[in-house]
Amino acid sequence: MSGLQRGKLEMNQPSGKFHILLLVGFFLILIWSAINPRDYFTWFLEVFPALIGVSILAYTYRRFRFTNLVYVLILVHCIVLIVGGKYTYALNPLFEYFKELFGWTRNNYDKLGHFMQGFTPALISRELFIRRRAVDGKGYTFFLSIAVPLAFAALYEIFEWLMAIINGEKVEGFLGTQGYFWDTQTDLFMCLVGSILALLLLTKSHDYQIAEMDIN
């Protein structure tokens, strides 16, 4: 094996130090978000899925380690959730600027969140299907890697509905509908777009990292 090949191999192997760096980054951003958020109740609701996800990854870390690509995407997804908790999805400052720039009628940061709701889980699902040999065939793997994020997105919409029934106007910042009639439908559509794009853009890189893990 050449030095270049060995370097590529090391870069794509799951690295404990790299994972610790990602975890430190996660907690630093989480702490930042907890300092004077717009609303602590909304902050908790938004960051709770990220905390649950990281807890599950930590619990299963010794038994199953994902590729570095998936771990990076998980961190990016968590950042989107945490920033949404800091400012609320309806009042994100950057997307307030975009709202003025592009003449939007609403702050569309929530659509980024739902895009990531498809983008990251699609690669998580795909890796589990491939490495656990749970699905036979590329076609089924592609289809189910889209279907799983959509199923969880639909479940999340039900969770939002239940929170609205239980807490009423207190969860307006969490829902972020901003009076948009088609909010639920477009949320699911953005999840669908995110999952498809993730598979189309990252399958080759994902396969490479999975293959390197199988070698070792």
N, C-alpha and C. Protein backbone atom coordinates (compact mmCIF):
# COMPACT_ATOMS: atom_id res chain seq x y z
N MET A 1 0.85 -1.19 0.00
CA MET A 1 0.00 0.00 0.00
C MET A 1 0.89 1.24 0.00
N SER A 2 0.62 2.19 -0.90
CA SER A 2 1.42 3.41 -1.00
C SER A 2 1.11 4.34 0.16
N GLY A 3 1.99 5.36 0.33
CA GLY A 3 1.77 6.33 1.39
C GLY A 3 0.49 7.11 1.19
N LEU A 4 0.18 7.45 -0.09
CA LEU A 4 -1.04 8.19 -0.39
C LEU A 4 -2.27 7.37 -0.04
N GLN A 5 -2.25 6.08 -0.43
CA GLN A 5 -3.39 5.21 -0.12
C GLN A 5 -3.56 5.04 1.38
N ARG A 6 -2.42 4.93 2.09
CA ARG A 6 -2.49 4.77 3.54
C ARG A 6 -3.06 6.02 4.19
N GLY A 7 -2.71 7.19 3.65
CA GLY A 7 -3.24 8.44 4.18
C GLY A 7 -4.73 8.55 3.99
N LYS A 8 -5.21 8.15 2.80
CA LYS A 8 -6.65 8.18 2.54
C LYS A 8 -7.39 7.22 3.47
N LEU A 9 -6.76 6.05 3.70
CA LEU A 9 -7.37 5.05 4.56
C LEU A 9 -7.54 5.58 5.97
N GLU A 10 -6.48 6.23 6.50
CA GLU A 10 -6.54 6.75 7.85
C GLU A 10 -7.57 7.87 7.96
N MET A 11 -7.68 8.70 6.91
CA MET A 11 -8.61 9.82 6.94
C MET A 11 -10.05 9.33 7.02
N ASN A 12 -10.35 8.20 6.43
CA ASN A 12 -11.72 7.72 6.36
C ASN A 12 -12.06 6.70 7.44
N GLN A 13 -11.09 6.30 8.23
CA GLN A 13 -11.39 5.40 9.32
C GLN A 13 -12.07 6.16 10.45
N PRO A 14 -13.02 5.53 11.15
CA PRO A 14 -13.62 6.18 12.31
C PRO A 14 -12.54 6.48 13.35
N SER A 15 -12.35 7.74 13.71
CA SER A 15 -11.30 8.14 14.62
C SER A 15 -11.90 8.61 15.93
N GLY A 16 -11.44 8.01 17.05
CA GLY A 16 -11.94 8.41 18.35
C GLY A 16 -11.69 9.88 18.62
N LYS A 17 -10.50 10.39 18.27
CA LYS A 17 -10.17 11.79 18.51
C LYS A 17 -11.07 12.71 17.68
N PHE A 18 -11.32 12.31 16.45
CA PHE A 18 -12.19 13.11 15.58
C PHE A 18 -13.59 13.16 16.14
N HIS A 19 -14.07 12.05 16.64
CA HIS A 19 -15.42 11.99 17.21
C HIS A 19 -15.51 12.83 18.48
N ILE A 20 -14.46 12.83 19.29
CA ILE A 20 -14.44 13.66 20.49
C ILE A 20 -14.49 15.14 20.10
N LEU A 21 -13.77 15.50 19.03
CA LEU A 21 -13.78 16.88 18.55
C LEU A 21 -15.19 17.29 18.13
N LEU A 22 -15.88 16.39 17.43
CA LEU A 22 -17.26 16.68 17.03
C LEU A 22 -18.16 16.84 18.26
N LEU A 23 -17.95 15.99 19.26
CA LEU A 23 -18.77 16.05 20.46
C LEU A 23 -18.52 17.35 21.24
N VAL A 24 -17.26 17.76 21.31
CA VAL A 24 -16.93 19.03 21.97
C VAL A 24 -17.60 20.19 21.24
N GLY A 25 -17.54 20.15 19.91
CA GLY A 25 -18.19 21.18 19.11
C GLY A 25 -19.68 21.24 19.39
N PHE A 26 -20.30 20.07 19.50
CA PHE A 26 -21.73 20.00 19.79
C PHE A 26 -22.06 20.68 21.11
N PHE A 27 -21.31 20.36 22.16
CA PHE A 27 -21.62 20.91 23.48
C PHE A 27 -21.29 22.40 23.58
N LEU A 28 -20.28 22.85 22.87
CA LEU A 28 -19.99 24.29 22.86
C LEU A 28 -21.14 25.07 22.23
N ILE A 29 -21.66 24.56 21.12
CA ILE A 29 -22.78 25.23 20.46
C ILE A 29 -24.04 25.14 21.32
N LEU A 30 -24.22 24.01 21.98
CA LEU A 30 -25.37 23.84 22.87
C LEU A 30 -25.32 24.84 24.02
N ILE A 31 -24.15 25.00 24.64
CA ILE A 31 -23.99 25.95 25.74
C ILE A 31 -24.26 27.38 25.26
N TRP A 32 -23.71 27.71 24.08
CA TRP A 32 -23.95 29.05 23.51
C TRP A 32 -25.45 29.30 23.33
N SER A 33 -26.15 28.29 22.84
CA SER A 33 -27.58 28.46 22.57
C SER A 33 -28.39 28.63 23.84
N ALA A 34 -27.90 28.07 24.95
CA ALA A 34 -28.63 28.11 26.21
C ALA A 34 -28.47 29.45 26.93
N ILE A 35 -27.58 30.30 26.45
CA ILE A 35 -27.37 31.61 27.07
C ILE A 35 -28.36 32.61 26.47
N ASN A 36 -29.35 32.97 27.25
CA ASN A 36 -30.36 33.95 26.85
C ASN A 36 -31.03 33.63 25.51
N PRO A 37 -31.59 32.44 25.37
CA PRO A 37 -32.36 32.18 24.14
C PRO A 37 -33.62 33.02 24.14
N ARG A 38 -34.29 33.09 23.01
CA ARG A 38 -35.49 33.91 22.92
C ARG A 38 -36.58 33.41 23.87
N ASP A 39 -36.66 32.08 24.02
CA ASP A 39 -37.67 31.50 24.91
C ASP A 39 -37.16 30.13 25.35
N TYR A 40 -37.02 29.92 26.67
CA TYR A 40 -36.42 28.68 27.16
C TYR A 40 -37.30 27.46 26.88
N PHE A 41 -38.60 27.61 26.91
CA PHE A 41 -39.47 26.48 26.62
C PHE A 41 -39.32 26.03 25.17
N THR A 42 -39.30 26.99 24.25
CA THR A 42 -39.08 26.67 22.84
C THR A 42 -37.69 26.10 22.64
N TRP A 43 -36.70 26.67 23.33
CA TRP A 43 -35.32 26.17 23.22
C TRP A 43 -35.26 24.70 23.59
N PHE A 44 -35.90 24.33 24.69
CA PHE A 44 -35.86 22.94 25.13
C PHE A 44 -36.52 22.02 24.10
N LEU A 45 -37.67 22.42 23.58
CA LEU A 45 -38.37 21.58 22.60
C LEU A 45 -37.53 21.38 21.34
N GLU A 46 -36.80 22.42 20.93
CA GLU A 46 -36.03 22.34 19.70
C GLU A 46 -34.75 21.51 19.86
N VAL A 47 -34.07 21.67 21.00
CA VAL A 47 -32.80 20.97 21.18
C VAL A 47 -32.98 19.56 21.71
N PHE A 48 -34.17 19.25 22.23
CA PHE A 48 -34.41 17.92 22.80
C PHE A 48 -34.11 16.79 21.82
N PRO A 49 -34.57 16.85 20.54
CA PRO A 49 -34.23 15.76 19.60
C PRO A 49 -32.73 15.60 19.41
N ALA A 50 -31.98 16.70 19.42
CA ALA A 50 -30.53 16.61 19.28
C ALA A 50 -29.91 15.92 20.48
N LEU A 51 -30.38 16.24 21.67
CA LEU A 51 -29.87 15.61 22.89
C LEU A 51 -30.18 14.11 22.90
N ILE A 52 -31.37 13.75 22.49
CA ILE A 52 -31.75 12.34 22.43
C ILE A 52 -30.87 11.61 21.41
N GLY A 53 -30.69 12.21 20.24
CA GLY A 53 -29.89 11.58 19.20
C GLY A 53 -28.45 11.35 19.63
N VAL A 54 -27.83 12.36 20.24
CA VAL A 54 -26.45 12.24 20.69
C VAL A 54 -26.35 11.21 21.81
N SER A 55 -27.34 11.16 22.67
CA SER A 55 -27.33 10.16 23.76
C SER A 55 -27.38 8.74 23.20
N ILE A 56 -28.21 8.52 22.18
CA ILE A 56 -28.30 7.20 21.56
C ILE A 56 -26.98 6.83 20.89
N LEU A 57 -26.37 7.78 20.20
CA LEU A 57 -25.09 7.52 19.55
C LEU A 57 -24.00 7.18 20.56
N ALA A 58 -24.01 7.88 21.69
CA ALA A 58 -23.01 7.61 22.73
C ALA A 58 -23.23 6.22 23.34
N TYR A 59 -24.50 5.86 23.55
CA TYR A 59 -24.82 4.57 24.16
C TYR A 59 -24.43 3.40 23.27
N THR A 60 -24.59 3.57 21.96
CA THR A 60 -24.31 2.49 21.01
C THR A 60 -22.92 2.57 20.38
N TYR A 61 -22.11 3.53 20.84
CA TYR A 61 -20.83 3.82 20.17
C TYR A 61 -19.89 2.62 20.13
N ARG A 62 -19.80 1.87 21.20
CA ARG A 62 -18.87 0.74 21.24
C ARG A 62 -19.34 -0.42 20.36
N ARG A 63 -20.64 -0.50 20.15
CA ARG A 63 -21.19 -1.62 19.37
C ARG A 63 -21.32 -1.30 17.88
N PHE A 64 -21.54 -0.03 17.57
CA PHE A 64 -21.72 0.35 16.17
C PHE A 64 -21.27 1.79 15.97
N ARG A 65 -20.23 1.96 15.14
CA ARG A 65 -19.73 3.29 14.82
C ARG A 65 -20.04 3.61 13.36
N PHE A 66 -20.63 4.76 13.15
CA PHE A 66 -20.94 5.19 11.79
C PHE A 66 -19.69 5.73 11.11
N THR A 67 -19.80 5.94 9.82
CA THR A 67 -18.73 6.58 9.07
C THR A 67 -18.58 8.03 9.52
N ASN A 68 -17.41 8.60 9.29
CA ASN A 68 -17.19 10.00 9.64
C ASN A 68 -18.14 10.93 8.89
N LEU A 69 -18.46 10.57 7.66
CA LEU A 69 -19.40 11.37 6.88
C LEU A 69 -20.72 11.52 7.61
N VAL A 70 -21.25 10.43 8.13
CA VAL A 70 -22.53 10.46 8.83
C VAL A 70 -22.41 11.25 10.13
N TYR A 71 -21.31 11.08 10.85
CA TYR A 71 -21.15 11.83 12.10
C TYR A 71 -21.09 13.34 11.84
N VAL A 72 -20.43 13.74 10.77
CA VAL A 72 -20.36 15.17 10.44
C VAL A 72 -21.75 15.70 10.09
N LEU A 73 -22.50 14.92 9.32
CA LEU A 73 -23.86 15.33 8.96
C LEU A 73 -24.75 15.42 10.19
N ILE A 74 -24.57 14.51 11.13
CA ILE A 74 -25.35 14.56 12.37
C ILE A 74 -25.04 15.85 13.13
N LEU A 75 -23.76 16.23 13.19
CA LEU A 75 -23.40 17.47 13.87
C LEU A 75 -24.04 18.67 13.18
N VAL A 76 -23.98 18.71 11.86
CA VAL A 76 -24.59 19.81 11.11
C VAL A 76 -26.09 19.88 11.40
N HIS A 77 -26.73 18.72 11.40
CA HIS A 77 -28.16 18.66 11.69
C HIS A 77 -28.44 19.17 13.10
N CYS A 78 -27.63 18.77 14.06
CA CYS A 78 -27.80 19.24 15.44
C CYS A 78 -27.63 20.75 15.53
N ILE A 79 -26.68 21.30 14.78
CA ILE A 79 -26.47 22.75 14.79
C ILE A 79 -27.70 23.47 14.30
N VAL A 80 -28.32 22.94 13.24
CA VAL A 80 -29.55 23.55 12.72
C VAL A 80 -30.64 23.55 13.79
N LEU A 81 -30.77 22.43 14.51
CA LEU A 81 -31.77 22.34 15.58
C LEU A 81 -31.46 23.31 16.72
N ILE A 82 -30.20 23.35 17.11
CA ILE A 82 -29.80 24.18 18.25
C ILE A 82 -29.96 25.66 17.94
N VAL A 83 -29.55 26.07 16.74
CA VAL A 83 -29.72 27.47 16.34
C VAL A 83 -31.21 27.82 16.28
N GLY A 84 -32.03 26.86 15.82
CA GLY A 84 -33.47 27.06 15.82
C GLY A 84 -34.01 27.25 17.23
N GLY A 85 -33.42 26.55 18.19
CA GLY A 85 -33.82 26.72 19.58
C GLY A 85 -33.40 28.07 20.14
N LYS A 86 -32.24 28.55 19.73
CA LYS A 86 -31.73 29.83 20.22
C LYS A 86 -32.63 30.99 19.82
N TYR A 87 -33.00 31.04 18.55
CA TYR A 87 -33.73 32.20 18.02
C TYR A 87 -35.21 31.92 17.74
N THR A 88 -35.62 30.67 17.75
CA THR A 88 -36.88 30.13 17.24
C THR A 88 -36.80 30.11 15.71
N TYR A 89 -37.52 29.18 15.12
CA TYR A 89 -37.46 29.01 13.68
C TYR A 89 -38.08 30.18 12.94
N ALA A 90 -39.01 30.88 13.58
CA ALA A 90 -39.71 31.97 12.90
C ALA A 90 -38.94 33.29 12.94
N LEU A 91 -37.85 33.35 13.75
CA LEU A 91 -37.15 34.63 13.92
C LEU A 91 -35.65 34.50 13.74
N ASN A 92 -35.20 33.51 13.00
CA ASN A 92 -33.76 33.35 12.77
C ASN A 92 -33.21 34.59 12.06
N PRO A 93 -32.18 35.23 12.61
CA PRO A 93 -31.68 36.50 12.05
C PRO A 93 -31.22 36.40 10.60
N LEU A 94 -30.48 35.34 10.26
CA LEU A 94 -29.99 35.22 8.89
C LEU A 94 -31.13 35.08 7.91
N PHE A 95 -32.15 34.31 8.27
CA PHE A 95 -33.28 34.11 7.38
C PHE A 95 -34.25 35.30 7.41
N GLU A 96 -34.15 36.14 8.44
CA GLU A 96 -34.87 37.41 8.41
C GLU A 96 -34.25 38.31 7.33
N TYR A 97 -32.92 38.25 7.23
CA TYR A 97 -32.24 38.99 6.16
C TYR A 97 -32.63 38.46 4.80
N PHE A 98 -32.65 37.12 4.66
CA PHE A 98 -33.07 36.52 3.39
C PHE A 98 -34.52 36.88 3.07
N LYS A 99 -35.34 36.97 4.11
CA LYS A 99 -36.75 37.33 3.92
C LYS A 99 -36.87 38.70 3.27
N GLU A 100 -36.08 39.64 3.76
CA GLU A 100 -36.09 40.99 3.18
C GLU A 100 -35.45 40.99 1.80
N LEU A 101 -34.36 40.25 1.64
CA LEU A 101 -33.61 40.24 0.39
C LEU A 101 -34.43 39.66 -0.76
N PHE A 102 -35.11 38.56 -0.49
CA PHE A 102 -35.84 37.85 -1.55
C PHE A 102 -37.34 38.14 -1.56
N GLY A 103 -37.80 38.97 -0.64
CA GLY A 103 -39.21 39.32 -0.61
C GLY A 103 -40.11 38.20 -0.13
N TRP A 104 -39.59 37.31 0.74
CA TRP A 104 -40.41 36.24 1.28
C TRP A 104 -41.48 36.82 2.21
N THR A 105 -42.57 36.10 2.36
CA THR A 105 -43.63 36.53 3.27
C THR A 105 -43.45 35.94 4.66
N ARG A 106 -42.45 35.06 4.83
CA ARG A 106 -42.21 34.42 6.13
C ARG A 106 -40.73 34.09 6.26
N ASN A 107 -40.31 33.81 7.47
CA ASN A 107 -38.96 33.34 7.75
C ASN A 107 -38.90 31.85 7.46
N ASN A 108 -38.07 31.43 6.51
CA ASN A 108 -38.06 30.04 6.04
C ASN A 108 -36.97 29.17 6.67
N TYR A 109 -36.48 29.57 7.84
CA TYR A 109 -35.46 28.74 8.48
C TYR A 109 -35.99 27.35 8.81
N ASP A 110 -37.29 27.26 9.11
CA ASP A 110 -37.87 25.96 9.43
C ASP A 110 -37.77 25.00 8.25
N LYS A 111 -37.78 25.54 7.03
CA LYS A 111 -37.67 24.67 5.85
C LYS A 111 -36.27 24.08 5.75
N LEU A 112 -35.25 24.84 6.18
CA LEU A 112 -33.91 24.28 6.25
C LEU A 112 -33.88 23.13 7.25
N GLY A 113 -34.55 23.32 8.38
CA GLY A 113 -34.60 22.26 9.38
C GLY A 113 -35.24 21.00 8.85
N HIS A 114 -36.32 21.15 8.10
CA HIS A 114 -37.00 19.97 7.56
C HIS A 114 -36.23 19.36 6.38
N PHE A 115 -35.48 20.19 5.66
CA PHE A 115 -34.58 19.65 4.63
C PHE A 115 -33.54 18.74 5.29
N MET A 116 -32.94 19.19 6.39
CA MET A 116 -31.97 18.37 7.11
C MET A 116 -32.62 17.16 7.74
N GLN A 117 -33.91 17.25 8.03
CA GLN A 117 -34.65 16.11 8.58
C GLN A 117 -34.69 14.95 7.59
N GLY A 118 -34.50 15.25 6.32
CA GLY A 118 -34.40 14.20 5.32
C GLY A 118 -32.96 13.89 4.95
N PHE A 119 -32.13 14.93 4.86
CA PHE A 119 -30.76 14.79 4.36
C PHE A 119 -29.92 13.87 5.25
N THR A 120 -29.87 14.16 6.53
CA THR A 120 -29.03 13.37 7.43
C THR A 120 -29.59 11.96 7.70
N PRO A 121 -30.87 11.83 8.07
CA PRO A 121 -31.40 10.48 8.33
C PRO A 121 -31.35 9.55 7.13
N ALA A 122 -31.36 10.10 5.91
CA ALA A 122 -31.26 9.24 4.72
C ALA A 122 -29.93 8.49 4.72
N LEU A 123 -28.84 9.19 5.07
CA LEU A 123 -27.53 8.53 5.11
C LEU A 123 -27.39 7.61 6.32
N ILE A 124 -28.01 8.01 7.44
CA ILE A 124 -28.01 7.13 8.61
C ILE A 124 -28.72 5.82 8.28
N SER A 125 -29.90 5.93 7.70
CA SER A 125 -30.68 4.74 7.33
C SER A 125 -29.92 3.88 6.34
N ARG A 126 -29.36 4.53 5.33
CA ARG A 126 -28.62 3.80 4.29
C ARG A 126 -27.47 3.00 4.88
N GLU A 127 -26.73 3.63 5.79
CA GLU A 127 -25.59 2.93 6.38
C GLU A 127 -26.03 1.74 7.22
N LEU A 128 -27.09 1.91 7.98
CA LEU A 128 -27.60 0.80 8.77
C LEU A 128 -28.07 -0.35 7.88
N PHE A 129 -28.78 -0.02 6.81
CA PHE A 129 -29.27 -1.05 5.89
C PHE A 129 -28.11 -1.83 5.26
N ILE A 130 -27.07 -1.10 4.85
CA ILE A 130 -25.95 -1.73 4.15
C ILE A 130 -25.08 -2.55 5.11
N ARG A 131 -24.67 -1.93 6.20
CA ARG A 131 -23.72 -2.59 7.08
C ARG A 131 -24.36 -3.69 7.92
N ARG A 132 -25.65 -3.58 8.18
CA ARG A 132 -26.35 -4.64 8.89
C ARG A 132 -26.95 -5.67 7.92
N ARG A 133 -26.77 -5.41 6.64
CA ARG A 133 -27.29 -6.30 5.60
C ARG A 133 -28.79 -6.57 5.80
N ALA A 134 -29.50 -5.50 6.11
CA ALA A 134 -30.93 -5.62 6.39
C ALA A 134 -31.78 -5.54 5.14
N VAL A 135 -31.20 -5.02 4.05
CA VAL A 135 -31.94 -4.84 2.80
C VAL A 135 -31.13 -5.42 1.67
N ASP A 136 -31.79 -6.13 0.77
CA ASP A 136 -31.11 -6.76 -0.36
C ASP A 136 -31.42 -5.97 -1.63
N GLY A 137 -30.40 -5.36 -2.20
CA GLY A 137 -30.57 -4.65 -3.47
C GLY A 137 -30.47 -3.14 -3.32
N LYS A 138 -29.83 -2.50 -4.31
CA LYS A 138 -29.64 -1.05 -4.27
C LYS A 138 -30.96 -0.30 -4.38
N GLY A 139 -31.88 -0.84 -5.17
CA GLY A 139 -33.16 -0.18 -5.35
C GLY A 139 -33.95 -0.10 -4.05
N TYR A 140 -34.02 -1.23 -3.34
CA TYR A 140 -34.73 -1.24 -2.06
C TYR A 140 -34.02 -0.35 -1.04
N THR A 141 -32.70 -0.36 -1.07
CA THR A 141 -31.94 0.48 -0.14
C THR A 141 -32.23 1.95 -0.40
N PHE A 142 -32.24 2.34 -1.67
CA PHE A 142 -32.52 3.73 -2.04
C PHE A 142 -33.93 4.12 -1.58
N PHE A 143 -34.90 3.27 -1.88
CA PHE A 143 -36.30 3.58 -1.54
C PHE A 143 -36.49 3.69 -0.03
N LEU A 144 -35.99 2.73 0.72
CA LEU A 144 -36.20 2.73 2.16
C LEU A 144 -35.40 3.83 2.86
N SER A 145 -34.28 4.23 2.28
CA SER A 145 -33.50 5.33 2.85
C SER A 145 -34.22 6.66 2.70
N ILE A 146 -35.18 6.73 1.80
CA ILE A 146 -36.05 7.89 1.67
C ILE A 146 -37.29 7.73 2.54
N ALA A 147 -37.83 6.51 2.56
CA ALA A 147 -39.08 6.25 3.29
C ALA A 147 -38.91 6.42 4.80
N VAL A 148 -37.77 6.00 5.34
CA VAL A 148 -37.57 6.09 6.79
C VAL A 148 -37.56 7.54 7.28
N PRO A 149 -36.78 8.44 6.67
CA PRO A 149 -36.85 9.84 7.11
C PRO A 149 -38.25 10.44 6.97
N LEU A 150 -38.95 10.09 5.89
CA LEU A 150 -40.31 10.61 5.71
C LEU A 150 -41.24 10.12 6.81
N ALA A 151 -41.08 8.87 7.21
CA ALA A 151 -41.91 8.31 8.29
C ALA A 151 -41.65 9.05 9.59
N PHE A 152 -40.38 9.31 9.91
CA PHE A 152 -40.06 10.03 11.14
C PHE A 152 -40.52 11.49 11.05
N ALA A 153 -40.45 12.08 9.86
CA ALA A 153 -40.91 13.45 9.68
C ALA A 153 -42.41 13.53 9.93
N ALA A 154 -43.16 12.55 9.43
CA ALA A 154 -44.60 12.51 9.66
C ALA A 154 -44.90 12.33 11.15
N LEU A 155 -44.12 11.48 11.81
CA LEU A 155 -44.30 11.28 13.25
C LEU A 155 -44.02 12.57 14.01
N TYR A 156 -43.03 13.34 13.56
CA TYR A 156 -42.69 14.60 14.21
C TYR A 156 -43.82 15.61 14.04
N GLU A 157 -44.47 15.61 12.87
CA GLU A 157 -45.60 16.51 12.65
C GLU A 157 -46.74 16.16 13.62
N ILE A 158 -46.93 14.87 13.88
CA ILE A 158 -47.94 14.45 14.85
C ILE A 158 -47.56 14.94 16.25
N PHE A 159 -46.26 14.85 16.57
CA PHE A 159 -45.77 15.34 17.86
C PHE A 159 -46.03 16.84 18.01
N GLU A 160 -45.78 17.61 16.95
CA GLU A 160 -46.04 19.05 16.98
C GLU A 160 -47.52 19.33 17.20
N TRP A 161 -48.37 18.56 16.54
CA TRP A 161 -49.82 18.72 16.69
C TRP A 161 -50.25 18.46 18.13
N LEU A 162 -49.71 17.39 18.73
CA LEU A 162 -50.05 17.06 20.11
C LEU A 162 -49.57 18.15 21.07
N MET A 163 -48.37 18.68 20.82
CA MET A 163 -47.86 19.76 21.66
C MET A 163 -48.74 20.98 21.56
N ALA A 164 -49.25 21.26 20.36
CA ALA A 164 -50.14 22.40 20.16
C ALA A 164 -51.44 22.21 20.93
N ILE A 165 -51.98 21.00 20.94
CA ILE A 165 -53.21 20.72 21.67
C ILE A 165 -53.00 20.86 23.17
N ILE A 166 -51.85 20.37 23.65
CA ILE A 166 -51.59 20.37 25.09
C ILE A 166 -51.23 21.76 25.61
N ASN A 167 -50.41 22.48 24.85
CA ASN A 167 -49.86 23.74 25.36
C ASN A 167 -50.40 25.00 24.69
N GLY A 168 -51.19 24.85 23.65
CA GLY A 168 -51.81 26.00 23.01
C GLY A 168 -50.80 26.99 22.45
N GLU A 169 -51.00 28.28 22.75
CA GLU A 169 -50.17 29.33 22.18
C GLU A 169 -48.74 29.30 22.68
N LYS A 170 -48.46 28.59 23.76
CA LYS A 170 -47.10 28.53 24.30
C LYS A 170 -46.13 27.91 23.32
N VAL A 171 -46.61 27.10 22.39
CA VAL A 171 -45.71 26.41 21.45
C VAL A 171 -45.70 27.07 20.07
N GLU A 172 -46.21 28.28 19.98
CA GLU A 172 -46.23 28.94 18.67
C GLU A 172 -44.83 29.10 18.10
N GLY A 173 -43.87 29.45 18.98
CA GLY A 173 -42.49 29.58 18.52
C GLY A 173 -41.90 28.26 18.09
N PHE A 174 -42.32 27.18 18.74
CA PHE A 174 -41.85 25.83 18.39
C PHE A 174 -42.42 25.38 17.06
N LEU A 175 -43.71 25.65 16.83
CA LEU A 175 -44.35 25.23 15.58
C LEU A 175 -43.82 26.01 14.39
N GLY A 176 -43.66 27.31 14.54
CA GLY A 176 -43.10 28.13 13.49
C GLY A 176 -43.93 28.17 12.21
N THR A 177 -45.22 27.96 12.31
CA THR A 177 -46.06 27.93 11.10
C THR A 177 -46.19 29.31 10.47
N GLN A 178 -46.17 30.36 11.30
CA GLN A 178 -46.27 31.74 10.83
C GLN A 178 -47.51 31.97 9.96
N GLY A 179 -48.58 31.25 10.30
CA GLY A 179 -49.83 31.42 9.58
C GLY A 179 -49.87 30.81 8.19
N TYR A 180 -48.87 29.98 7.86
CA TYR A 180 -48.78 29.39 6.52
C TYR A 180 -49.66 28.14 6.45
N PHE A 181 -50.66 28.16 5.58
CA PHE A 181 -51.66 27.09 5.52
C PHE A 181 -51.03 25.76 5.14
N TRP A 182 -50.05 25.75 4.25
CA TRP A 182 -49.45 24.52 3.74
C TRP A 182 -48.16 24.15 4.49
N ASP A 183 -48.01 24.59 5.72
CA ASP A 183 -46.77 24.39 6.44
C ASP A 183 -46.41 22.91 6.59
N THR A 184 -47.37 22.09 7.02
CA THR A 184 -47.09 20.66 7.21
C THR A 184 -46.71 19.98 5.92
N GLN A 185 -47.44 20.27 4.86
CA GLN A 185 -47.17 19.64 3.56
C GLN A 185 -45.79 20.03 3.02
N THR A 186 -45.44 21.31 3.13
CA THR A 186 -44.14 21.75 2.63
C THR A 186 -43.00 21.24 3.51
N ASP A 187 -43.27 21.07 4.81
CA ASP A 187 -42.26 20.47 5.69
C ASP A 187 -41.91 19.06 5.21
N LEU A 188 -42.93 18.28 4.92
CA LEU A 188 -42.69 16.91 4.45
C LEU A 188 -42.03 16.90 3.07
N PHE A 189 -42.41 17.86 2.23
CA PHE A 189 -41.79 17.95 0.91
C PHE A 189 -40.30 18.26 1.02
N MET A 190 -39.93 19.18 1.91
CA MET A 190 -38.51 19.52 2.10
C MET A 190 -37.74 18.32 2.64
N CYS A 191 -38.37 17.52 3.49
CA CYS A 191 -37.74 16.29 3.97
C CYS A 191 -37.49 15.34 2.81
N LEU A 192 -38.46 15.21 1.94
CA LEU A 192 -38.32 14.34 0.77
C LEU A 192 -37.19 14.81 -0.13
N VAL A 193 -37.14 16.11 -0.41
CA VAL A 193 -36.08 16.67 -1.25
C VAL A 193 -34.72 16.45 -0.62
N GLY A 194 -34.63 16.68 0.70
CA GLY A 194 -33.36 16.49 1.39
C GLY A 194 -32.86 15.06 1.33
N SER A 195 -33.73 14.11 1.53
CA SER A 195 -33.32 12.70 1.52
C SER A 195 -32.87 12.27 0.12
N ILE A 196 -33.59 12.71 -0.91
CA ILE A 196 -33.21 12.34 -2.28
C ILE A 196 -31.87 12.97 -2.65
N LEU A 197 -31.68 14.25 -2.33
CA LEU A 197 -30.42 14.91 -2.66
C LEU A 197 -29.24 14.29 -1.93
N ALA A 198 -29.45 13.91 -0.67
CA ALA A 198 -28.36 13.27 0.08
C ALA A 198 -27.89 12.00 -0.62
N LEU A 199 -28.83 11.19 -1.08
CA LEU A 199 -28.48 9.94 -1.74
C LEU A 199 -27.85 10.18 -3.11
N LEU A 200 -28.34 11.17 -3.83
CA LEU A 200 -27.79 11.45 -5.15
C LEU A 200 -26.38 12.06 -5.08
N LEU A 201 -26.14 12.90 -4.08
CA LEU A 201 -24.87 13.63 -4.01
C LEU A 201 -23.79 12.88 -3.24
N LEU A 202 -24.17 12.07 -2.25
CA LEU A 202 -23.18 11.52 -1.32
C LEU A 202 -23.03 10.01 -1.35
N THR A 203 -23.78 9.32 -2.20
CA THR A 203 -23.71 7.86 -2.22
C THR A 203 -22.29 7.36 -2.51
N LYS A 204 -21.62 7.98 -3.47
CA LYS A 204 -20.28 7.52 -3.84
C LYS A 204 -19.31 7.68 -2.67
N SER A 205 -19.31 8.84 -2.03
CA SER A 205 -18.43 9.07 -0.88
C SER A 205 -18.80 8.16 0.28
N HIS A 206 -20.09 7.97 0.46
CA HIS A 206 -20.57 7.10 1.54
C HIS A 206 -20.12 5.66 1.31
N ASP A 207 -20.27 5.17 0.09
CA ASP A 207 -19.83 3.81 -0.23
C ASP A 207 -18.34 3.64 0.01
N TYR A 208 -17.56 4.66 -0.34
CA TYR A 208 -16.10 4.58 -0.15
C TYR A 208 -15.75 4.43 1.34
N GLN A 209 -16.40 5.24 2.18
CA GLN A 209 -16.10 5.15 3.60
C GLN A 209 -16.58 3.85 4.22
N ILE A 210 -17.73 3.37 3.76
CA ILE A 210 -18.22 2.07 4.25
C ILE A 210 -17.27 0.96 3.85
N ALA A 211 -16.76 1.02 2.62
CA ALA A 211 -15.82 0.00 2.15
C ALA A 211 -14.53 0.02 2.98
N GLU A 212 -14.04 1.20 3.30
CA GLU A 212 -12.84 1.30 4.11
C GLU A 212 -13.05 0.73 5.51
N MET A 213 -14.25 0.92 6.05
CA MET A 213 -14.54 0.35 7.36
C MET A 213 -14.61 -1.17 7.30
N ASP A 214 -15.16 -1.71 6.22
CA ASP A 214 -15.26 -3.15 6.05
C ASP A 214 -13.87 -3.79 5.95
N ILE A 215 -12.93 -3.06 5.33
CA ILE A 215 -11.56 -3.58 5.19
C ILE A 215 -10.91 -3.75 6.55
N ASN A 216 -11.27 -2.82 7.45
CA ASN A 216 -10.64 -2.84 8.77
C ASN A 216 -11.52 -3.48 9.83
